[in-house]
Amino acid sequence: MASPHAVSPPDAILERLAALHPKRIDLSLERMERLVAALGHPERRLPPVVHVAGTNGKGSTIAFLRAALEAAGQKVHVYTSPHLVRFNERIRLAGRIVSDAELSEALDRVEAANAGAPITFFEITTAAALLLFAEQPADVLLLEVGLGGRLDATNVIPAPLASVITPLSIDHVEFLGGTIAAIATEKAGIIKAGAPVVVGDQPDEALSVIERAAARKRAPLFARGQQWTVHAEAGRLVYADEDGLLDLPLPRLVGPHQIDNAGLA
């Protein structure tokens, strides 16, 4: 429902919100948990969520998922970051980019609920996105992790429909650790009890960490090279799992790595 008072342009609100915390990145769930509680827990009212973490290919995997779901007639919410030109690009509501008016109202509401407390820009804007996703109908939400997983603002959600972990490599060592095992531990933090986890091609050390995390949570694991495979053959994409083979067109996104991302989706 539209706010009864005039709202500021979203860029002006975003500028204010960026000043609420001295650090751009400060991984913790405490501030986010406080804010979603003040907002009436929108994270508990979301459509079924596919939660996507990883180092490489998150955006492409979400693009493939969105295309497949929308082709099947599904209404799809999408949350990704960063944006290319405008912040609005991060939030898609049932197939369309969020409008300035919708974004401004949501940002006003989270700013009021936060009451000036320290909170990072990504946390408070993620809260605004969750509010929008909770209040508009859709069949599924594709939710991209910002950084890491375990302590990422998106990880306030309860058990998702599925968790996805794209290929991992060394990145953001100051926040996630300097080894593949440490990074995999952070990414595997999105795995929730009983929720299936689909895993892309991983270094052995990373896969071992993810397998242990899934076992602890009793989360069914579907790992590339074990439960499923994908490859290009004769100008086609061939996907195989226990249910059989799929012979599909090659993805339009360029690069051999897109074969892996399409298979993961």
Protein backbone atom coordinates (compact mmCIF):
# COMPACT_ATOMS: atom_id res chain seq x y z
CA MET A 1 0.00 0.00 0.00
CA ALA A 2 1.33 3.44 -0.86
CA SER A 3 2.64 5.62 1.94
CA PRO A 4 0.31 8.55 2.80
CA HIS A 5 3.24 10.98 2.99
CA ALA A 6 5.61 12.12 0.30
CA VAL A 7 8.82 10.11 0.12
CA SER A 8 12.30 11.25 -0.82
CA PRO A 9 13.89 10.14 -4.09
CA PRO A 10 15.57 6.76 -3.48
CA ASP A 11 19.07 8.08 -4.20
CA ALA A 12 18.76 10.62 -1.38
CA ILE A 13 17.61 7.97 1.09
CA LEU A 14 20.38 5.58 0.01
CA GLU A 15 22.94 8.30 0.64
CA ARG A 16 21.64 8.76 4.19
CA LEU A 17 21.63 5.02 4.86
CA ALA A 18 25.23 4.66 3.72
CA ALA A 19 26.29 6.90 6.63
CA LEU A 20 24.75 4.74 9.37
CA HIS A 21 27.85 2.57 9.85
CA PRO A 22 31.53 3.53 9.67
CA LYS A 23 32.41 0.33 7.78
CA ARG A 24 31.12 -0.75 4.39
CA ILE A 25 31.42 -4.40 5.44
CA ASP A 26 31.01 -5.66 9.01
CA LEU A 27 29.81 -9.26 8.94
CA SER A 28 27.31 -10.06 11.69
CA LEU A 29 23.68 -11.14 11.90
CA GLU A 30 22.85 -9.30 15.13
CA ARG A 31 21.97 -5.96 13.53
CA MET A 32 19.94 -7.61 10.78
CA GLU A 33 18.04 -9.81 13.24
CA ARG A 34 17.16 -6.74 15.30
CA LEU A 35 15.91 -4.85 12.25
CA VAL A 36 13.76 -7.62 10.76
CA ALA A 37 12.20 -8.11 14.20
CA ALA A 38 11.33 -4.39 14.28
CA LEU A 39 9.77 -4.77 10.82
CA GLY A 40 7.56 -7.69 11.87
CA HIS A 41 9.77 -10.44 10.43
CA PRO A 42 9.31 -10.11 6.66
CA GLU A 43 11.85 -12.93 6.22
CA ARG A 44 9.21 -15.33 7.56
CA ARG A 45 6.65 -14.27 4.94
CA LEU A 46 8.65 -14.76 1.76
CA PRO A 47 7.74 -17.00 -1.17
CA PRO A 48 9.87 -20.17 -1.42
CA VAL A 49 13.54 -19.10 -1.54
CA VAL A 50 16.48 -20.37 -3.57
CA HIS A 51 19.49 -19.03 -1.67
CA VAL A 52 22.66 -18.71 -3.78
CA ALA A 53 26.20 -18.35 -2.39
CA GLY A 54 29.63 -18.87 -3.96
CA THR A 55 32.64 -17.08 -5.38
CA ASN A 56 32.12 -17.45 -9.12
CA GLY A 57 28.97 -17.62 -11.21
CA LYS A 58 26.28 -16.54 -8.74
CA GLY A 59 24.83 -13.94 -11.08
CA SER A 60 24.87 -16.21 -14.12
CA THR A 61 23.31 -19.09 -12.19
CA ILE A 62 20.52 -16.82 -10.99
CA ALA A 63 20.02 -15.55 -14.55
CA PHE A 64 19.60 -19.13 -15.80
CA LEU A 65 17.23 -19.98 -12.94
CA ARG A 66 15.14 -16.89 -13.55
CA ALA A 67 14.91 -17.58 -17.29
CA ALA A 68 13.85 -21.19 -16.74
CA LEU A 69 11.28 -20.36 -14.08
CA GLU A 70 9.77 -17.47 -16.01
CA ALA A 71 9.61 -19.61 -19.17
CA ALA A 72 7.58 -22.08 -17.11
CA GLY A 73 5.13 -19.31 -16.19
CA GLN A 74 6.41 -18.68 -12.67
CA LYS A 75 6.43 -15.24 -11.04
CA VAL A 76 9.98 -14.69 -9.79
CA HIS A 77 11.39 -12.20 -7.29
CA VAL A 78 15.16 -11.64 -7.63
CA TYR A 79 17.73 -10.03 -5.32
CA THR A 80 21.28 -9.54 -6.64
CA SER A 81 24.22 -7.23 -6.02
CA PRO A 82 26.00 -5.08 -6.93
CA HIS A 83 24.11 -3.05 -9.54
CA LEU A 84 25.46 -1.69 -12.83
CA VAL A 85 23.80 1.73 -13.06
CA ARG A 86 21.06 2.20 -10.47
CA PHE A 87 20.34 0.54 -7.15
CA ASN A 88 16.84 -0.45 -8.34
CA GLU A 89 18.46 -3.13 -10.53
CA ARG A 90 19.16 -5.21 -7.43
CA ILE A 91 15.46 -5.85 -6.77
CA ARG A 92 13.10 -7.48 -9.26
CA LEU A 93 9.49 -7.93 -8.21
CA ALA A 94 7.71 -10.70 -10.12
CA GLY A 95 9.67 -9.96 -13.28
CA ARG A 96 10.08 -6.17 -13.18
CA ILE A 97 12.63 -3.85 -11.63
CA VAL A 98 11.35 -2.13 -8.48
CA SER A 99 10.02 1.38 -9.11
CA ASP A 100 11.45 4.49 -7.47
CA ALA A 101 8.22 4.98 -5.51
CA GLU A 102 8.18 1.41 -4.17
CA LEU A 103 11.86 1.51 -3.29
CA SER A 104 11.61 4.90 -1.59
CA GLU A 105 8.68 3.78 0.56
CA ALA A 106 10.45 0.58 1.62
CA LEU A 107 13.66 2.47 2.41
CA ASP A 108 11.70 5.02 4.45
CA ARG A 109 10.10 2.22 6.45
CA VAL A 110 13.36 0.42 7.22
CA GLU A 111 15.05 3.71 8.10
CA ALA A 112 12.27 4.48 10.59
CA ALA A 113 12.36 0.95 12.06
CA ASN A 114 16.14 1.10 12.43
CA ALA A 115 15.83 4.33 14.45
CA GLY A 116 19.35 5.53 13.70
CA ALA A 117 21.14 2.45 15.08
CA PRO A 118 24.47 1.43 13.50
CA ILE A 119 23.84 -0.88 10.55
CA THR A 120 25.66 -1.45 7.27
CA PHE A 121 24.31 -0.25 3.95
CA PHE A 122 23.93 -3.80 2.65
CA GLU A 123 22.06 -4.91 5.76
CA ILE A 124 19.49 -2.12 5.76
CA THR A 125 18.92 -2.28 2.01
CA THR A 126 18.55 -6.06 2.20
CA ALA A 127 15.90 -5.53 4.87
CA ALA A 128 14.07 -3.20 2.48
CA ALA A 129 14.24 -5.84 -0.24
CA LEU A 130 12.87 -8.53 2.09
CA LEU A 131 10.00 -6.20 3.00
CA LEU A 132 9.14 -5.72 -0.68
CA PHE A 133 9.41 -9.44 -1.43
CA ALA A 134 7.18 -10.33 1.53
CA GLU A 135 4.43 -7.91 0.52
CA GLN A 136 4.14 -8.73 -3.20
CA PRO A 137 3.10 -12.18 -4.43
CA ALA A 138 5.47 -14.43 -6.34
CA ASP A 139 6.10 -18.14 -6.78
CA VAL A 140 9.79 -18.09 -5.87
CA LEU A 141 12.52 -15.73 -4.66
CA LEU A 142 16.07 -16.04 -6.02
CA LEU A 143 18.22 -14.58 -3.24
CA GLU A 144 21.91 -13.89 -3.84
CA VAL A 145 24.31 -13.73 -0.90
CA GLY A 146 26.26 -10.48 -0.70
CA LEU A 147 29.49 -11.75 0.88
CA GLY A 148 30.31 -15.10 2.44
CA GLY A 149 27.13 -16.72 3.66
CA ARG A 150 27.13 -17.62 7.35
CA LEU A 151 27.03 -14.00 8.55
CA ASP A 152 25.59 -12.40 5.41
CA ALA A 153 22.48 -10.25 5.82
CA THR A 154 20.48 -12.58 3.55
CA ASN A 155 21.06 -15.46 5.97
CA VAL A 156 18.29 -14.32 8.32
CA ILE A 157 15.88 -16.37 6.20
CA PRO A 158 14.51 -19.65 7.60
CA ALA A 159 15.00 -22.89 5.67
CA PRO A 160 14.89 -22.20 1.91
CA LEU A 161 13.43 -24.31 -0.85
CA ALA A 162 17.07 -25.03 -1.78
CA SER A 163 20.55 -23.69 -1.17
CA VAL A 164 23.01 -23.36 -4.06
CA ILE A 165 26.79 -23.04 -3.74
CA THR A 166 28.57 -22.04 -6.95
CA PRO A 167 32.30 -22.73 -7.53
CA LEU A 168 34.59 -21.38 -4.82
CA SER A 169 38.01 -19.75 -5.02
CA ILE A 170 40.18 -17.53 -2.83
CA ASP A 171 38.54 -14.11 -2.49
CA HIS A 172 37.81 -11.52 0.23
CA VAL A 173 40.39 -13.16 2.50
CA GLU A 174 40.18 -10.32 5.02
CA PHE A 175 36.56 -11.29 5.73
CA LEU A 176 36.30 -14.98 4.85
CA GLY A 177 39.75 -16.41 5.60
CA GLY A 178 42.81 -17.21 3.53
CA THR A 179 42.17 -20.86 2.70
CA ILE A 180 39.62 -22.65 0.56
CA ALA A 181 38.48 -24.60 3.64
CA ALA A 182 37.84 -21.39 5.59
CA ILE A 183 35.94 -19.83 2.69
CA ALA A 184 33.90 -23.01 2.17
CA THR A 185 32.97 -22.96 5.86
CA GLU A 186 31.54 -19.44 5.47
CA LYS A 187 29.68 -20.29 2.26
CA ALA A 188 28.29 -23.52 3.73
CA GLY A 189 26.77 -21.41 6.50
CA ILE A 190 23.70 -20.93 4.29
CA ILE A 191 22.86 -24.65 4.51
CA LYS A 192 19.72 -25.11 6.61
CA ALA A 193 18.31 -28.22 8.26
CA GLY A 194 16.64 -30.50 5.75
CA ALA A 195 16.87 -28.07 2.81
CA PRO A 196 18.49 -29.55 -0.32
CA VAL A 197 21.85 -28.05 -1.29
CA VAL A 198 23.05 -28.05 -4.91
CA VAL A 199 26.79 -27.67 -5.34
CA GLY A 200 28.81 -26.64 -8.38
CA ASP A 201 32.30 -27.82 -9.32
CA GLN A 202 34.54 -27.42 -6.25
CA PRO A 203 38.11 -28.04 -5.13
CA ASP A 204 38.22 -31.28 -3.12
CA GLU A 205 38.95 -29.40 0.11
CA ALA A 206 35.90 -27.16 -0.35
CA LEU A 207 33.61 -30.05 -1.24
CA SER A 208 34.67 -31.95 1.89
CA VAL A 209 33.72 -28.97 4.06
CA ILE A 210 30.36 -28.59 2.31
CA GLU A 211 29.63 -32.33 2.57
CA ARG A 212 30.26 -32.28 6.33
CA ALA A 213 28.06 -29.21 6.79
CA ALA A 214 25.23 -30.81 4.81
CA ALA A 215 25.53 -34.03 6.82
CA ARG A 216 25.32 -32.11 10.11
CA LYS A 217 22.13 -30.39 8.94
CA ARG A 218 20.69 -33.54 7.33
CA ALA A 219 20.46 -31.55 4.12
CA PRO A 220 20.31 -33.65 0.93
CA LEU A 221 23.41 -32.91 -1.17
CA PHE A 222 23.53 -32.77 -4.97
CA ALA A 223 27.13 -32.18 -6.05
CA ARG A 224 28.47 -31.86 -9.57
CA GLY A 225 30.46 -34.94 -10.52
CA GLN A 226 28.60 -37.07 -7.98
CA GLN A 227 24.83 -36.68 -8.13
CA TRP A 228 24.81 -34.78 -11.44
CA THR A 229 27.03 -33.96 -14.42
CA VAL A 230 26.92 -31.50 -17.29
CA HIS A 231 28.97 -31.06 -20.46
CA ALA A 232 28.81 -29.72 -24.01
CA GLU A 233 28.53 -32.28 -26.80
CA ALA A 234 27.91 -31.73 -30.52
CA GLY A 235 26.74 -28.18 -29.95
CA ARG A 236 24.30 -29.15 -27.21
CA LEU A 237 24.27 -29.11 -23.42
CA VAL A 238 23.95 -32.57 -21.90
CA TYR A 239 22.83 -32.79 -18.27
CA ALA A 240 22.58 -36.10 -16.40
CA ASP A 241 21.38 -37.13 -12.95
CA GLU A 242 19.65 -40.15 -11.41
CA ASP A 243 16.46 -39.29 -13.31
CA GLY A 244 18.16 -39.54 -16.70
CA LEU A 245 19.56 -37.30 -19.45
CA LEU A 246 18.51 -33.87 -20.67
CA ASP A 247 19.60 -32.73 -24.14
CA LEU A 248 19.33 -28.92 -24.17
CA PRO A 249 20.46 -25.96 -26.27
CA LEU A 250 23.78 -24.41 -25.29
CA PRO A 251 23.43 -21.32 -23.08
CA ARG A 252 23.52 -17.96 -24.80
CA LEU A 253 25.84 -16.53 -22.16
CA VAL A 254 29.38 -16.71 -23.52
CA GLY A 255 32.17 -18.86 -22.07
CA PRO A 256 32.74 -22.54 -21.24
CA HIS A 257 32.10 -21.80 -17.54
CA GLN A 258 28.49 -21.01 -18.46
CA ILE A 259 27.98 -24.72 -19.15
CA ASP A 260 28.66 -25.34 -15.46
CA ASN A 261 26.42 -22.47 -14.35
CA ALA A 262 23.57 -23.70 -16.54
CA GLY A 263 23.93 -27.20 -15.13
CA LEU A 264 23.90 -25.86 -11.60
CA ALA A 265 20.67 -23.97 -12.33
